[in-house]
């Protein structure tokens, strides 16, 4: 597994856990609660996919 794919996997895991944890605050804070975890999750998916193509 190359570095880009590994960092993408870490981003998916961390972003996914953080996003799932922040859904309980969605009613109070709206999209502010899920904005950053969603960005990390999407960036992780992009890195994972681009790491797979370069291998």
PDB file of N, CA and C in Angstrom:
ATOM      1  N   UNK A   1       0.862  -1.171   0.000  1.00  0.00           N
ATOM      2  CA  UNK A   1       0.000   0.000   0.000  1.00  0.00           C
ATOM      3  C   UNK A   1       0.911   1.236   0.000  1.00  0.00           C
ATOM      4  N   UNK A   2       0.706   2.131  -0.957  1.00  0.00           N
ATOM      5  CA  UNK A   2       1.534   3.324  -1.013  1.00  0.00           C
ATOM      6  C   UNK A   2       1.054   4.385  -0.016  1.00  0.00           C
ATOM      7  N   UNK A   3       1.843   5.436   0.145  1.00  0.00           N
ATOM      8  CA  UNK A   3       1.560   6.445   1.173  1.00  0.00           C
ATOM      9  C   UNK A   3       0.257   7.185   0.908  1.00  0.00           C
ATOM     10  N   UNK A   4      -0.041   7.456  -0.361  1.00  0.00           N
ATOM     11  CA  UNK A   4      -1.259   8.199  -0.689  1.00  0.00           C
ATOM     12  C   UNK A   4      -2.505   7.374  -0.352  1.00  0.00           C
ATOM     13  N   UNK A   5      -2.459   6.104  -0.664  1.00  0.00           N
ATOM     14  CA  UNK A   5      -3.584   5.224  -0.358  1.00  0.00           C
ATOM     15  C   UNK A   5      -3.749   5.046   1.150  1.00  0.00           C
ATOM     16  N   UNK A   6      -2.636   4.950   1.882  1.00  0.00           N
ATOM     17  CA  UNK A   6      -2.695   4.791   3.340  1.00  0.00           C
ATOM     18  C   UNK A   6      -3.259   6.047   3.997  1.00  0.00           C
ATOM     19  N   UNK A   7      -2.823   7.220   3.545  1.00  0.00           N
ATOM     20  CA  UNK A   7      -3.352   8.457   4.134  1.00  0.00           C
ATOM     21  C   UNK A   7      -4.818   8.641   3.769  1.00  0.00           C
ATOM     22  N   UNK A   8      -5.214   8.190   2.596  1.00  0.00           N
ATOM     23  CA  UNK A   8      -6.629   8.235   2.234  1.00  0.00           C
ATOM     24  C   UNK A   8      -7.469   7.358   3.128  1.00  0.00           C
ATOM     25  N   UNK A   9      -6.958   6.180   3.453  1.00  0.00           N
ATOM     26  CA  UNK A   9      -7.668   5.266   4.345  1.00  0.00           C
ATOM     27  C   UNK A   9      -7.801   5.857   5.746  1.00  0.00           C
ATOM     28  N   UNK A  10      -6.745   6.507   6.228  1.00  0.00           N
ATOM     29  CA  UNK A  10      -6.803   7.170   7.532  1.00  0.00           C
ATOM     30  C   UNK A  10      -7.836   8.302   7.498  1.00  0.00           C
ATOM     31  N   UNK A  11      -7.864   9.067   6.424  1.00  0.00           N
ATOM     32  CA  UNK A  11      -8.844  10.142   6.285  1.00  0.00           C
ATOM     33  C   UNK A  11     -10.273   9.633   6.259  1.00  0.00           C
ATOM     34  N   UNK A  12     -10.492   8.516   5.592  1.00  0.00           N
ATOM     35  CA  UNK A  12     -11.827   7.921   5.552  1.00  0.00           C
ATOM     36  C   UNK A  12     -12.258   7.474   6.949  1.00  0.00           C
ATOM     37  N   UNK A  13     -11.355   6.827   7.663  1.00  0.00           N
ATOM     38  CA  UNK A  13     -11.694   6.324   8.996  1.00  0.00           C
ATOM     39  C   UNK A  13     -11.934   7.468   9.971  1.00  0.00           C
ATOM     40  N   UNK A  14     -10.998   8.425  10.024  1.00  0.00           N
ATOM     41  CA  UNK A  14     -11.122   9.538  10.969  1.00  0.00           C
ATOM     42  C   UNK A  14     -12.321  10.413  10.613  1.00  0.00           C
ATOM     43  N   UNK A  15     -12.465  10.753   9.341  1.00  0.00           N
ATOM     44  CA  UNK A  15     -13.595  11.580   8.916  1.00  0.00           C
ATOM     45  C   UNK A  15     -14.932  10.897   9.145  1.00  0.00           C
ATOM     46  N   UNK A  16     -14.982   9.594   8.895  1.00  0.00           N
ATOM     47  CA  UNK A  16     -16.223   8.851   9.102  1.00  0.00           C
ATOM     48  C   UNK A  16     -16.630   8.765  10.557  1.00  0.00           C
ATOM     49  N   UNK A  17     -15.659   8.498  11.423  1.00  0.00           N
ATOM     50  CA  UNK A  17     -15.958   8.425  12.861  1.00  0.00           C
ATOM     51  C   UNK A  17     -16.372   9.787  13.398  1.00  0.00           C
ATOM     52  N   UNK A  18     -15.642  10.822  12.993  1.00  0.00           N
ATOM     53  CA  UNK A  18     -15.949  12.183  13.446  1.00  0.00           C
ATOM     54  C   UNK A  18     -17.315  12.626  12.928  1.00  0.00           C
ATOM     55  N   UNK A  19     -17.631  12.292  11.683  1.00  0.00           N
ATOM     56  CA  UNK A  19     -18.925  12.648  11.102  1.00  0.00           C
ATOM     57  C   UNK A  19     -20.059  11.929  11.826  1.00  0.00           C
ATOM     58  N   UNK A  20     -19.884  10.643  12.085  1.00  0.00           N
ATOM     59  CA  UNK A  20     -20.915   9.885  12.792  1.00  0.00           C
ATOM     60  C   UNK A  20     -21.123  10.415  14.209  1.00  0.00           C
ATOM     61  N   UNK A  21     -20.048  10.835  14.850  1.00  0.00           N
ATOM     62  CA  UNK A  21     -20.145  11.365  16.202  1.00  0.00           C
ATOM     63  C   UNK A  21     -20.830  12.733  16.225  1.00  0.00           C
ATOM     64  N   UNK A  22     -20.631  13.540  15.199  1.00  0.00           N
ATOM     65  CA  UNK A  22     -21.184  14.891  15.186  1.00  0.00           C
ATOM     66  C   UNK A  22     -22.627  14.967  14.704  1.00  0.00           C
ATOM     67  N   UNK A  23     -23.193  13.864  14.210  1.00  0.00           N
ATOM     68  CA  UNK A  23     -24.589  13.903  13.788  1.00  0.00           C
ATOM     69  C   UNK A  23     -25.542  14.204  14.943  1.00  0.00           C
ATOM     70  N   UNK A  24     -25.132  13.900  16.170  1.00  0.00           N
ATOM     71  CA  UNK A  24     -25.997  14.192  17.309  1.00  0.00           C
ATOM     72  C   UNK A  24     -26.089  15.696  17.575  1.00  0.00           C
ATOM     73  N   UNK A  25     -25.130  16.473  17.078  1.00  0.00           N
ATOM     74  CA  UNK A  25     -25.140  17.928  17.245  1.00  0.00           C
ATOM     75  C   UNK A  25     -25.750  18.653  16.047  1.00  0.00           C
ATOM     76  N   UNK A  26     -26.215  17.894  15.045  1.00  0.00           N
ATOM     77  CA  UNK A  26     -26.718  18.497  13.807  1.00  0.00           C
ATOM     78  C   UNK A  26     -27.942  19.374  14.061  1.00  0.00           C
ATOM     79  N   UNK A  27     -28.815  18.975  14.979  1.00  0.00           N
ATOM     80  CA  UNK A  27     -30.020  19.763  15.271  1.00  0.00           C
ATOM     81  C   UNK A  27     -29.678  21.120  15.868  1.00  0.00           C
ATOM     82  N   UNK A  28     -28.642  21.174  16.690  1.00  0.00           N
ATOM     83  CA  UNK A  28     -28.267  22.430  17.348  1.00  0.00           C
ATOM     84  C   UNK A  28     -27.421  23.338  16.455  1.00  0.00           C
ATOM     85  N   UNK A  29     -26.447  22.759  15.765  1.00  0.00           N
ATOM     86  CA  UNK A  29     -25.458  23.551  15.044  1.00  0.00           C
ATOM     87  C   UNK A  29     -25.620  23.533  13.533  1.00  0.00           C
ATOM     88  N   UNK A  30     -26.417  22.644  13.019  1.00  0.00           N
ATOM     89  CA  UNK A  30     -26.610  22.569  11.570  1.00  0.00           C
ATOM     90  C   UNK A  30     -25.375  22.017  10.869  1.00  0.00           C
ATOM     91  N   UNK A  31     -25.100  22.575   9.694  1.00  0.00           N
ATOM     92  CA  UNK A  31     -23.999  22.063   8.883  1.00  0.00           C
ATOM     93  C   UNK A  31     -22.622  22.409   9.441  1.00  0.00           C
ATOM     94  N   UNK A  32     -22.559  23.299  10.431  1.00  0.00           N
ATOM     95  CA  UNK A  32     -21.280  23.608  11.069  1.00  0.00           C
ATOM     96  C   UNK A  32     -20.735  22.366  11.764  1.00  0.00           C
ATOM     97  N   UNK A  33     -21.610  21.548  12.318  1.00  0.00           N
ATOM     98  CA  UNK A  33     -21.189  20.354  13.052  1.00  0.00           C
ATOM     99  C   UNK A  33     -20.604  19.291  12.131  1.00  0.00           C
ATOM    100  N   UNK A  34     -21.036  19.235  10.877  1.00  0.00           N
ATOM    101  CA  UNK A  34     -20.577  18.159   9.998  1.00  0.00           C
ATOM    102  C   UNK A  34     -19.697  18.642   8.855  1.00  0.00           C
ATOM    103  N   UNK A  35     -19.430  19.929   8.775  1.00  0.00           N
ATOM    104  CA  UNK A  35     -18.664  20.472   7.654  1.00  0.00           C
ATOM    105  C   UNK A  35     -17.245  19.944   7.573  1.00  0.00           C
ATOM    106  N   UNK A  36     -16.466  20.113   8.628  1.00  0.00           N
ATOM    107  CA  UNK A  36     -15.065  19.688   8.611  1.00  0.00           C
ATOM    108  C   UNK A  36     -14.919  18.172   8.516  1.00  0.00           C
ATOM    109  N   UNK A  37     -15.672  17.374   9.282  1.00  0.00           N
ATOM    110  CA  UNK A  37     -15.536  15.922   9.105  1.00  0.00           C
ATOM    111  C   UNK A  37     -15.918  15.455   7.704  1.00  0.00           C
ATOM    112  N   UNK A  38     -16.881  16.126   7.098  1.00  0.00           N
ATOM    113  CA  UNK A  38     -17.282  15.764   5.740  1.00  0.00           C
ATOM    114  C   UNK A  38     -16.168  16.074   4.746  1.00  0.00           C
ATOM    115  N   UNK A  39     -15.497  17.203   4.916  1.00  0.00           N
ATOM    116  CA  UNK A  39     -14.362  17.539   4.052  1.00  0.00           C
ATOM    117  C   UNK A  39     -13.227  16.526   4.200  1.00  0.00           C
ATOM    118  N   UNK A  40     -12.942  16.116   5.426  1.00  0.00           N
ATOM    119  CA  UNK A  40     -11.884  15.135   5.655  1.00  0.00           C
ATOM    120  C   UNK A  40     -12.259  13.786   5.039  1.00  0.00           C
ATOM    121  N   UNK A  41     -13.516  13.408   5.163  1.00  0.00           N
ATOM    122  CA  UNK A  41     -13.980  12.155   4.581  1.00  0.00           C
ATOM    123  C   UNK A  41     -13.866  12.174   3.066  1.00  0.00           C
ATOM    124  N   UNK A  42     -14.295  13.256   2.443  1.00  0.00           N
ATOM    125  CA  UNK A  42     -14.231  13.368   0.977  1.00  0.00           C
ATOM    126  C   UNK A  42     -12.774  13.397   0.509  1.00  0.00           C
ATOM    127  N   UNK A  43     -11.930  14.146   1.210  1.00  0.00           N
ATOM    128  CA  UNK A  43     -10.508  14.186   0.839  1.00  0.00           C
ATOM    129  C   UNK A  43      -9.872  12.803   0.986  1.00  0.00           C
ATOM    130  N   UNK A  44     -10.269  12.062   2.008  1.00  0.00           N
ATOM    131  CA  UNK A  44      -9.765  10.701   2.183  1.00  0.00           C
ATOM    132  C   UNK A  44     -10.170   9.794   1.050  1.00  0.00           C
ATOM    133  N   UNK A  45     -11.405   9.916   0.599  1.00  0.00           N
ATOM    134  CA  UNK A  45     -11.880   9.107  -0.529  1.00  0.00           C
ATOM    135  C   UNK A  45     -11.103   9.464  -1.795  1.00  0.00           C
ATOM    136  N   UNK A  46     -10.888  10.756  -2.024  1.00  0.00           N
ATOM    137  CA  UNK A  46     -10.148  11.196  -3.210  1.00  0.00           C
ATOM    138  C   UNK A  46      -8.715  10.671  -3.171  1.00  0.00           C
ATOM    139  N   UNK A  47      -8.053  10.780  -2.035  1.00  0.00           N
ATOM    140  CA  UNK A  47      -6.684  10.275  -1.914  1.00  0.00           C
ATOM    141  C   UNK A  47      -6.638   8.764  -2.075  1.00  0.00           C
ATOM    142  N   UNK A  48      -7.605   8.056  -1.508  1.00  0.00           N
ATOM    143  CA  UNK A  48      -7.619   6.597  -1.618  1.00  0.00           C
ATOM    144  C   UNK A  48      -7.785   6.163  -3.062  1.00  0.00           C
ATOM    145  N   UNK A  49      -8.698   6.811  -3.775  1.00  0.00           N
ATOM    146  CA  UNK A  49      -8.945   6.456  -5.171  1.00  0.00           C
ATOM    147  C   UNK A  49      -7.751   6.828  -6.042  1.00  0.00           C
ATOM    148  N   UNK A  50      -7.173   7.996  -5.836  1.00  0.00           N
ATOM    149  CA  UNK A  50      -6.032   8.394  -6.656  1.00  0.00           C
ATOM    150  C   UNK A  50      -4.800   7.553  -6.317  1.00  0.00           C
ATOM    151  N   UNK A  51      -4.677   7.075  -5.112  1.00  0.00           N
ATOM    152  CA  UNK A  51      -3.583   6.182  -4.753  1.00  0.00           C
ATOM    153  C   UNK A  51      -3.729   4.825  -5.377  1.00  0.00           C
ATOM    154  N   UNK A  52      -4.978   4.410  -5.570  1.00  0.00           N
ATOM    155  CA  UNK A  52      -5.234   3.110  -6.214  1.00  0.00           C
ATOM    156  C   UNK A  52      -4.891   3.167  -7.696  1.00  0.00           C
ATOM    157  N   UNK A  53      -5.191   4.280  -8.346  1.00  0.00           N
ATOM    158  CA  UNK A  53      -4.933   4.407  -9.786  1.00  0.00           C
ATOM    159  C   UNK A  53      -3.446   4.480 -10.105  1.00  0.00           C
ATOM    160  N   UNK A  54      -2.647   5.063  -9.205  1.00  0.00           N
ATOM    161  CA  UNK A  54      -1.225   5.224  -9.476  1.00  0.00           C
ATOM    162  C   UNK A  54      -0.434   3.951  -9.183  1.00  0.00           C
ATOM    163  N   UNK A  55      -1.041   2.977  -8.515  1.00  0.00           N
ATOM    164  CA  UNK A  55      -0.337   1.734  -8.175  1.00  0.00           C
ATOM    165  C   UNK A  55      -0.279   0.802  -9.361  1.00  0.00           C
TER     166      UNK A  55
END
